[in-house]
Amino acid sequence: MLQGKKIILGVTGSIAAYKAAMLIRLLVKERAEVRVVMTALAKEFITPLTLATLSKNPIAVEFFNPENGTWNSHVSLGEWADALLIAPATANTIGKMAGGVADNLLVTSFLSAKCPVFVAPAMDLDMYRHPSTRRNLDTLRKWGNHIIEPANGELASGLTGKGRMKEPEAIVAYLTDFFSKKRTLAGKRILVTAGATVEPIDPVRFISNYSTGKMGYTLADTLADRGAEVTLVTGQATAQLKNPSIKVVKALSAREMYAAASGLFPSSDAAVLCAAVADYTPANPADQKIKKSAGEWILELTRTPDIAAELGQQKRPGQILVGFALETNNEKENAHQKLVRKNLDLIVLNSLQNPGAGFGHDTNQIEILDKKGRWTPYPLQSKPQAANNITDRLEELLAEDEA
């Protein structure tokens, strides 16, 4: 999948710079075209002649060649590349990238790049753990850059821990996986809700449920991996996103999620409502902690706004709305009624009667019902597999509407 890809390899001043030679060999073996941009300090660890020989292209270090005045245009490099890979990436270079410190050719090329950017950190254990490094990496992630997490292992200092640059084979595999993914949803805007809502009783207590957000977060990753512009509206969740391009909107309560989802849906091509939203919320949450008393405590609840029903009413021709139903009895009947009542195009049914399905598991067993009354059952499978099956069905509906 790297054949014909134009890759800028940025090499910085790390002891791991020697691995750049093998990295270039592997990329060239995959028939990618590689151009190398080095920082001045990187030349102390590996010679430009070595990398030029392996890449079969001149090496760029400075903005211009002082001997003949040839200009190395960072703008042209940024426009040329299909990918910018910085490996190894030192804490210094990562800090400059996050801070926009454009004092060398590599960082200016990063600031001009229109292509995906991949960063493979390499540094000592304490540097990698330092709050400034963590902040800078988080900043790059939020901007949509891909961080190829370092490995655990023996470091140049003699310590053992996280900070060792991933091996060249693993980095090439990461790029191959990225470029091999189907980009069939490019240009589509998709809203996903996930996680559990939290309904406050008082400042220390709340009503919620067992959702971890795993299914919704996996769906968001899957949709984004296929090229969609994904916005994730999330309640409380322990799951983690993998795709850095996803925009995240926090919405802890049902009312907050209702406001966020109903505001985002008009500009979306589709919505996948995977969040476990509370049906009821305390009517009068207390400002102070409610103290224990001798008598019984009756908690008055009131209905929360119905997100799926609201989006079903908003839905215009061409928009697709996917809902979820987690049931414990009369599963198919309840799911079908929900699909009709809320004007959904698809509904994904989970049953807590099925072992391995429902909250907290890494697996799920789903059935999908469409508006034509067709049920499609799936076996117990991993949540990424389930997410791919749901995404396939969503793609089919979007294609039908465009036909």
Protein backbone atom coordinates (compact mmCIF):
# COMPACT_ATOMS: atom_id res chain seq x y z
CA MET A 1 0.00 0.00 0.00
CA LEU A 2 3.03 2.35 0.13
CA GLN A 3 3.88 1.93 -3.55
CA GLY A 4 4.13 5.35 -5.15
CA LYS A 5 3.64 7.20 -1.85
CA LYS A 6 5.78 10.30 -1.40
CA ILE A 7 7.19 10.34 2.11
CA ILE A 8 9.26 12.98 3.87
CA LEU A 9 11.35 11.40 6.60
CA GLY A 10 12.38 13.87 9.28
CA VAL A 11 15.42 12.78 11.28
CA THR A 12 16.32 14.58 14.52
CA GLY A 13 19.24 14.50 16.93
CA SER A 14 18.64 11.27 18.80
CA ILE A 15 20.78 8.19 19.30
CA ALA A 16 17.93 6.37 17.51
CA ALA A 17 18.82 8.26 14.31
CA TYR A 18 20.82 5.22 13.20
CA LYS A 19 17.49 3.42 12.73
CA ALA A 20 16.59 5.91 10.00
CA ALA A 21 18.84 3.96 7.62
CA MET A 22 16.80 0.77 8.03
CA LEU A 23 13.58 2.76 7.93
CA ILE A 24 14.51 4.23 4.55
CA ARG A 25 15.48 0.80 3.21
CA LEU A 26 12.12 -0.65 4.23
CA LEU A 27 10.16 2.26 2.75
CA VAL A 28 12.09 2.08 -0.53
CA LYS A 29 11.56 -1.69 -0.57
CA GLU A 30 7.83 -0.96 -0.41
CA ARG A 31 8.43 1.25 -3.49
CA ALA A 32 7.77 4.53 -1.70
CA GLU A 33 9.67 7.67 -2.75
CA VAL A 34 11.58 9.05 0.24
CA ARG A 35 13.08 12.47 0.78
CA VAL A 36 14.96 13.13 4.01
CA VAL A 37 15.02 16.34 6.04
CA MET A 38 17.56 16.32 8.86
CA THR A 39 18.09 18.69 11.75
CA ALA A 40 21.65 19.99 12.19
CA LEU A 41 22.18 17.85 15.30
CA ALA A 42 20.98 14.70 13.51
CA LYS A 43 24.15 14.87 11.37
CA GLU A 44 26.15 14.13 14.54
CA PHE A 45 24.46 10.73 14.81
CA ILE A 46 24.26 9.59 11.17
CA THR A 47 25.77 11.07 8.03
CA PRO A 48 23.70 12.72 5.29
CA LEU A 49 25.71 10.64 2.76
CA THR A 50 24.33 7.40 4.24
CA LEU A 51 20.73 8.56 4.07
CA ALA A 52 21.15 10.12 0.61
CA THR A 53 22.59 6.86 -0.72
CA LEU A 54 19.72 4.80 0.69
CA SER A 55 16.93 7.19 -0.32
CA LYS A 56 18.49 7.98 -3.73
CA ASN A 57 17.64 11.64 -3.13
CA PRO A 58 19.68 14.60 -1.83
CA ILE A 59 19.33 15.33 1.88
CA ALA A 60 17.92 18.67 3.02
CA VAL A 61 19.21 20.22 6.24
CA GLU A 62 19.33 23.99 5.82
CA PHE A 63 16.93 26.39 4.12
CA PHE A 64 19.45 26.86 1.33
CA ASN A 65 22.76 25.42 0.15
CA PRO A 66 25.46 27.97 1.08
CA GLU A 67 27.72 26.75 -1.74
CA ASN A 68 25.37 27.38 -4.65
CA GLY A 69 22.35 29.15 -3.12
CA THR A 70 19.90 26.35 -3.99
CA TRP A 71 16.70 26.96 -2.01
CA ASN A 72 15.04 24.15 -0.06
CA SER A 73 11.41 25.23 -0.06
CA HIS A 74 9.49 23.99 2.98
CA VAL A 75 6.27 24.94 1.20
CA SER A 76 7.09 22.77 -1.81
CA LEU A 77 8.07 19.89 0.44
CA GLY A 78 4.77 20.17 2.33
CA GLU A 79 2.79 20.17 -0.91
CA TRP A 80 4.77 17.28 -2.43
CA ALA A 81 4.37 14.73 0.34
CA ASP A 82 1.68 12.13 0.97
CA ALA A 83 3.05 11.70 4.50
CA LEU A 84 5.51 13.41 6.82
CA LEU A 85 7.17 10.92 9.15
CA ILE A 86 9.41 12.25 11.92
CA ALA A 87 11.45 9.34 13.27
CA PRO A 88 13.16 9.70 15.60
CA ALA A 89 11.39 12.71 17.10
CA THR A 90 13.21 14.20 20.08
CA ALA A 91 11.55 16.07 22.95
CA ASN A 92 13.13 19.24 21.56
CA THR A 93 11.59 18.83 18.10
CA ILE A 94 8.22 17.78 19.52
CA GLY A 95 8.25 20.93 21.69
CA LYS A 96 9.07 23.11 18.68
CA MET A 97 6.28 21.51 16.65
CA ALA A 98 3.73 22.05 19.42
CA GLY A 99 4.92 25.62 20.00
CA GLY A 100 5.27 26.61 16.35
CA VAL A 101 8.98 27.39 16.76
CA ALA A 102 9.96 27.46 13.09
CA ASP A 103 13.74 27.73 13.41
CA ASN A 104 14.74 24.85 11.15
CA LEU A 105 13.71 23.30 7.85
CA LEU A 106 12.01 20.29 9.44
CA VAL A 107 9.64 22.29 11.67
CA THR A 108 8.80 24.74 8.87
CA SER A 109 8.03 21.76 6.62
CA PHE A 110 5.75 20.40 9.38
CA LEU A 111 3.94 23.75 9.59
CA SER A 112 3.46 23.75 5.81
CA ALA A 113 2.44 20.10 5.47
CA LYS A 114 -1.01 19.36 4.02
CA CYS A 115 -0.51 15.61 4.41
CA PRO A 116 -0.91 13.27 7.42
CA VAL A 117 1.91 13.66 9.95
CA PHE A 118 3.36 10.73 11.89
CA VAL A 119 5.59 11.27 14.93
CA ALA A 120 7.74 8.50 16.46
CA PRO A 121 9.14 9.83 19.76
CA ALA A 122 12.55 8.72 20.98
CA MET A 123 13.96 9.93 24.30
CA ASP A 124 14.90 8.86 27.78
CA LEU A 125 12.31 7.64 30.26
CA ASP A 126 12.19 10.79 32.42
CA MET A 127 12.01 13.09 29.39
CA TYR A 128 9.12 11.10 27.97
CA ARG A 129 7.29 11.23 31.30
CA HIS A 130 7.87 14.93 31.85
CA PRO A 131 4.66 17.02 31.93
CA SER A 132 5.92 19.31 29.18
CA THR A 133 6.49 16.37 26.82
CA ARG A 134 3.11 14.86 27.66
CA ARG A 135 1.43 18.24 27.04
CA ASN A 136 3.23 18.71 23.72
CA LEU A 137 2.31 15.22 22.50
CA ASP A 138 -1.32 15.78 23.55
CA THR A 139 -1.32 19.05 21.61
CA LEU A 140 -0.05 17.32 18.47
CA ARG A 141 -2.67 14.59 18.87
CA LYS A 142 -5.48 17.13 19.21
CA TRP A 143 -4.34 18.74 15.97
CA GLY A 144 -4.80 15.41 14.20
CA ASN A 145 -1.20 14.22 14.07
CA HIS A 146 -0.51 10.50 14.52
CA ILE A 147 1.74 9.60 17.46
CA ILE A 148 3.50 6.26 17.04
CA GLU A 149 3.91 5.44 20.71
CA PRO A 150 7.44 4.49 21.79
CA ALA A 151 8.18 1.02 23.08
CA ASN A 152 9.41 -0.17 26.44
CA GLY A 153 13.00 -1.31 26.45
CA GLU A 154 16.61 -0.53 27.29
CA LEU A 155 17.42 3.15 26.77
CA ALA A 156 20.70 4.90 25.99
CA SER A 157 20.94 6.07 29.61
CA GLY A 158 21.00 2.47 30.82
CA LEU A 159 17.49 2.77 32.24
CA THR A 160 14.70 0.49 31.09
CA GLY A 161 11.27 1.91 30.32
CA LYS A 162 9.10 3.67 27.77
CA GLY A 163 10.84 6.04 25.38
CA ARG A 164 12.55 3.72 22.89
CA MET A 165 11.56 4.54 19.31
CA LYS A 166 9.41 1.87 17.70
CA GLU A 167 11.42 -0.43 15.46
CA PRO A 168 11.46 0.48 11.75
CA GLU A 169 9.39 -2.59 10.82
CA ALA A 170 6.63 -1.50 13.23
CA ILE A 171 6.67 2.07 11.89
CA VAL A 172 6.36 0.88 8.29
CA ALA A 173 3.52 -1.43 9.34
CA TYR A 174 1.78 1.55 10.98
CA LEU A 175 1.99 3.58 7.76
CA THR A 176 0.90 0.61 5.67
CA ASP A 177 -2.14 0.08 7.89
CA PHE A 178 -3.03 3.78 7.62
CA PHE A 179 -2.89 3.87 3.82
CA SER A 180 -4.62 0.50 3.40
CA LYS A 181 -7.78 1.54 5.21
CA LYS A 182 -10.88 2.08 3.11
CA ARG A 183 -11.59 5.80 2.75
CA THR A 184 -15.13 5.16 1.57
CA LEU A 185 -16.69 7.78 3.86
CA ALA A 186 -14.45 10.66 2.83
CA GLY A 187 -16.42 13.88 2.75
CA LYS A 188 -19.15 12.61 5.10
CA ARG A 189 -19.88 14.28 8.43
CA ILE A 190 -21.03 11.83 11.06
CA LEU A 191 -22.17 12.45 14.61
CA VAL A 192 -21.64 9.72 17.22
CA THR A 193 -22.87 9.71 20.81
CA ALA A 194 -21.23 7.43 23.38
CA GLY A 195 -20.75 6.73 27.05
CA ALA A 196 -23.03 7.11 30.03
CA THR A 197 -24.85 10.27 31.04
CA VAL A 198 -24.51 11.46 34.62
CA GLU A 199 -27.54 12.97 36.37
CA PRO A 200 -26.62 14.82 39.59
CA ILE A 201 -28.52 14.28 42.84
CA ASP A 202 -26.25 16.60 44.81
CA PRO A 203 -22.58 17.66 44.46
CA VAL A 204 -21.32 14.17 45.41
CA ARG A 205 -23.99 11.73 44.14
CA PHE A 206 -25.48 10.99 40.75
CA ILE A 207 -27.58 8.56 38.73
CA SER A 208 -25.83 6.79 35.87
CA ASN A 209 -25.36 3.35 34.31
CA TYR A 210 -22.68 0.78 33.50
CA SER A 211 -21.71 2.02 30.03
CA THR A 212 -17.95 2.29 29.44
CA GLY A 213 -18.26 3.90 25.99
CA LYS A 214 -16.32 1.08 24.29
CA MET A 215 -18.86 0.44 21.51
CA GLY A 216 -19.41 4.11 20.70
CA TYR A 217 -15.72 4.98 20.78
CA THR A 218 -14.89 2.00 18.56
CA LEU A 219 -17.58 3.10 16.11
CA ALA A 220 -16.17 6.63 16.06
CA ASP A 221 -12.69 5.25 15.30
CA THR A 222 -14.03 2.97 12.56
CA LEU A 223 -15.97 5.77 10.86
CA ALA A 224 -12.98 8.12 11.03
CA ASP A 225 -10.64 5.43 9.71
CA ARG A 226 -12.87 5.19 6.65
CA GLY A 227 -12.45 8.90 6.03
CA ALA A 228 -15.50 10.41 7.72
CA GLU A 229 -15.32 13.69 9.60
CA VAL A 230 -16.49 12.44 12.99
CA THR A 231 -17.72 14.40 15.97
CA LEU A 232 -18.05 12.35 19.15
CA VAL A 233 -20.44 13.66 21.79
CA THR A 234 -19.47 11.72 24.89
CA GLY A 235 -20.73 11.30 28.39
CA GLN A 236 -18.75 9.53 31.09
CA ALA A 237 -16.52 6.85 29.56
CA THR A 238 -13.43 4.81 30.32
CA ALA A 239 -12.80 3.96 26.66
CA GLN A 240 -10.05 5.67 24.65
CA LEU A 241 -10.08 6.91 21.07
CA LYS A 242 -7.36 5.79 18.66
CA ASN A 243 -8.00 8.09 15.69
CA PRO A 244 -6.70 11.61 16.45
CA SER A 245 -8.86 13.30 13.80
CA ILE A 246 -12.08 12.85 15.81
CA LYS A 247 -13.54 16.01 17.32
CA VAL A 248 -14.70 15.38 20.90
CA VAL A 249 -17.53 17.25 22.63
CA LYS A 250 -18.06 16.51 26.33
CA ALA A 251 -21.70 16.28 27.44
CA LEU A 252 -22.12 14.66 30.84
CA SER A 253 -25.84 15.03 31.47
CA ALA A 254 -28.74 14.00 29.24
CA ARG A 255 -29.68 17.66 28.76
CA GLU A 256 -26.13 18.58 27.74
CA MET A 257 -26.01 15.68 25.29
CA TYR A 258 -29.43 16.63 23.90
CA ALA A 259 -28.26 20.21 23.30
CA ALA A 260 -24.99 19.12 21.67
CA ALA A 261 -26.51 16.41 19.45
CA SER A 262 -29.51 18.45 18.29
CA GLY A 263 -27.18 21.35 17.48
CA LEU A 264 -24.73 19.22 15.47
CA PHE A 265 -27.18 16.98 13.60
CA PRO A 266 -28.41 19.52 11.00
CA SER A 267 -24.89 19.76 9.51
CA SER A 268 -24.31 15.99 9.64
CA ASP A 269 -24.88 13.37 6.96
CA ALA A 270 -25.60 10.72 9.59
CA ALA A 271 -25.77 10.15 13.32
CA VAL A 272 -25.07 6.99 15.30
CA LEU A 273 -26.65 7.20 18.75
CA CYS A 274 -24.72 4.75 20.88
CA ALA A 275 -24.73 6.61 24.22
CA ALA A 276 -26.52 5.15 27.22
CA VAL A 277 -28.69 8.16 28.03
CA ALA A 278 -30.66 8.35 31.27
CA ASP A 279 -34.44 8.36 30.78
CA TYR A 280 -34.94 10.17 34.10
CA THR A 281 -33.04 12.81 36.07
CA PRO A 282 -33.48 14.19 39.60
CA ALA A 283 -36.13 16.89 39.53
CA ASN A 284 -34.46 19.13 42.11
CA PRO A 285 -30.73 18.42 42.48
CA ALA A 286 -29.38 19.83 45.72
CA ASP A 287 -26.67 22.50 45.85
CA GLN A 288 -25.19 20.97 49.01
CA LYS A 289 -24.58 17.37 50.03
CA ILE A 290 -27.76 15.75 51.31
CA LYS A 291 -27.14 14.49 54.83
CA LYS A 292 -28.28 11.12 56.08
CA SER A 293 -31.40 11.33 58.23
CA ALA A 294 -33.50 8.93 60.25
CA GLY A 295 -36.39 8.76 57.82
CA GLU A 296 -36.74 7.44 54.30
CA TRP A 297 -35.56 9.52 51.39
CA ILE A 298 -37.79 9.75 48.33
CA LEU A 299 -36.05 10.99 45.22
CA GLU A 300 -38.34 12.68 42.68
CA LEU A 301 -37.36 12.08 39.05
CA THR A 302 -38.42 13.81 35.87
CA ARG A 303 -38.14 12.74 32.22
CA THR A 304 -35.03 13.71 30.27
CA PRO A 305 -35.31 15.04 26.69
CA ASP A 306 -35.39 12.27 24.07
CA ILE A 307 -32.38 12.70 21.80
CA ALA A 308 -33.29 10.03 19.25
CA ALA A 309 -36.87 11.27 18.92
CA GLU A 310 -35.67 14.86 18.46
CA LEU A 311 -33.17 13.92 15.75
CA GLY A 312 -35.81 11.71 14.12
CA GLN A 313 -38.07 14.76 13.82
CA GLN A 314 -35.21 16.93 12.54
CA LYS A 315 -34.09 14.37 9.96
CA ARG A 316 -34.21 15.61 6.39
CA PRO A 317 -34.14 13.50 3.21
CA GLY A 318 -30.71 11.99 2.72
CA GLN A 319 -29.76 11.96 6.40
CA ILE A 320 -29.31 8.60 8.10
CA LEU A 321 -30.11 7.97 11.76
CA VAL A 322 -28.87 4.86 13.57
CA GLY A 323 -30.03 4.00 17.08
CA PHE A 324 -29.22 1.35 19.66
CA ALA A 325 -31.52 -0.76 21.83
CA LEU A 326 -30.21 -2.59 24.87
CA GLU A 327 -32.95 -4.94 26.04
CA THR A 328 -33.53 -7.63 28.65
CA ASN A 329 -36.85 -9.01 27.40
CA ASN A 330 -39.12 -8.83 24.32
CA GLU A 331 -35.99 -7.68 22.55
CA LYS A 332 -37.09 -7.64 18.91
CA GLU A 333 -40.51 -6.20 19.61
CA ASN A 334 -39.11 -3.39 21.74
CA ALA A 335 -36.37 -2.60 19.21
CA HIS A 336 -38.85 -2.51 16.33
CA GLN A 337 -41.16 -0.17 18.20
CA LYS A 338 -38.25 2.13 18.97
CA LEU A 339 -37.16 2.23 15.32
CA VAL A 340 -40.66 3.21 14.16
CA ARG A 341 -41.44 5.60 17.00
CA LYS A 342 -38.20 7.55 16.65
CA ASN A 343 -37.94 7.54 12.85
CA LEU A 344 -34.66 5.61 12.75
CA ASP A 345 -33.17 4.08 9.61
CA LEU A 346 -31.37 1.30 11.47
CA ILE A 347 -31.46 0.03 15.01
CA VAL A 348 -28.74 -2.10 16.58
CA LEU A 349 -30.09 -4.54 19.16
CA ASN A 350 -28.07 -5.83 22.12
CA SER A 351 -29.57 -8.30 24.55
CA LEU A 352 -28.26 -8.72 28.04
CA GLN A 353 -29.48 -12.31 27.74
CA ASN A 354 -26.48 -13.01 25.48
CA PRO A 355 -23.20 -13.71 27.34
CA GLY A 356 -20.42 -11.36 26.22
CA ALA A 357 -22.81 -8.64 25.03
CA GLY A 358 -23.67 -5.35 26.70
CA PHE A 359 -21.71 -3.07 28.99
CA GLY A 360 -18.00 -3.39 29.69
CA HIS A 361 -17.17 -6.32 27.41
CA ASP A 362 -14.62 -6.30 24.59
CA THR A 363 -17.13 -8.36 22.60
CA ASN A 364 -20.69 -7.80 21.45
CA GLN A 365 -23.50 -9.78 19.85
CA ILE A 366 -25.78 -7.62 17.75
CA GLU A 367 -28.76 -7.82 15.43
CA ILE A 368 -29.54 -4.98 13.02
CA LEU A 369 -33.07 -4.07 11.94
CA ASP A 370 -33.76 -1.74 9.01
CA LYS A 371 -36.89 0.21 8.03
CA LYS A 372 -37.98 -2.58 5.69
CA GLY A 373 -38.30 -4.96 8.63
CA ARG A 374 -35.21 -7.01 7.77
CA TRP A 375 -33.29 -8.48 10.70
CA THR A 376 -29.59 -9.27 10.25
CA PRO A 377 -28.10 -11.32 13.13
CA TYR A 378 -24.35 -11.47 13.83
CA PRO A 379 -22.43 -13.92 16.01
CA LEU A 380 -20.55 -12.93 19.16
CA GLN A 381 -17.60 -10.91 17.90
CA SER A 382 -15.12 -8.26 18.96
CA LYS A 383 -16.41 -4.71 19.22
CA PRO A 384 -14.18 -3.58 16.31
CA GLN A 385 -15.77 -6.30 14.17
CA ALA A 386 -19.24 -5.22 15.27
CA ALA A 387 -18.34 -1.60 14.49
CA ASN A 388 -17.24 -2.60 10.99
CA ASN A 389 -20.53 -4.43 10.41
CA ILE A 390 -22.57 -1.44 11.58
CA THR A 391 -20.46 0.91 9.45
CA ASP A 392 -20.96 -1.32 6.39
CA ARG A 393 -24.74 -1.04 6.80
CA LEU A 394 -24.53 2.71 7.27
CA GLU A 395 -22.44 3.01 4.11
CA GLU A 396 -25.05 1.03 2.18
CA LEU A 397 -27.81 3.44 3.24
CA LEU A 398 -25.75 6.50 2.41
CA ALA A 399 -24.97 5.04 -1.03
CA GLU A 400 -28.66 4.28 -1.65
CA ASP A 401 -29.62 7.88 -0.89
CA GLU A 402 -26.97 9.17 -3.29
CA ALA A 403 -28.05 6.81 -6.08
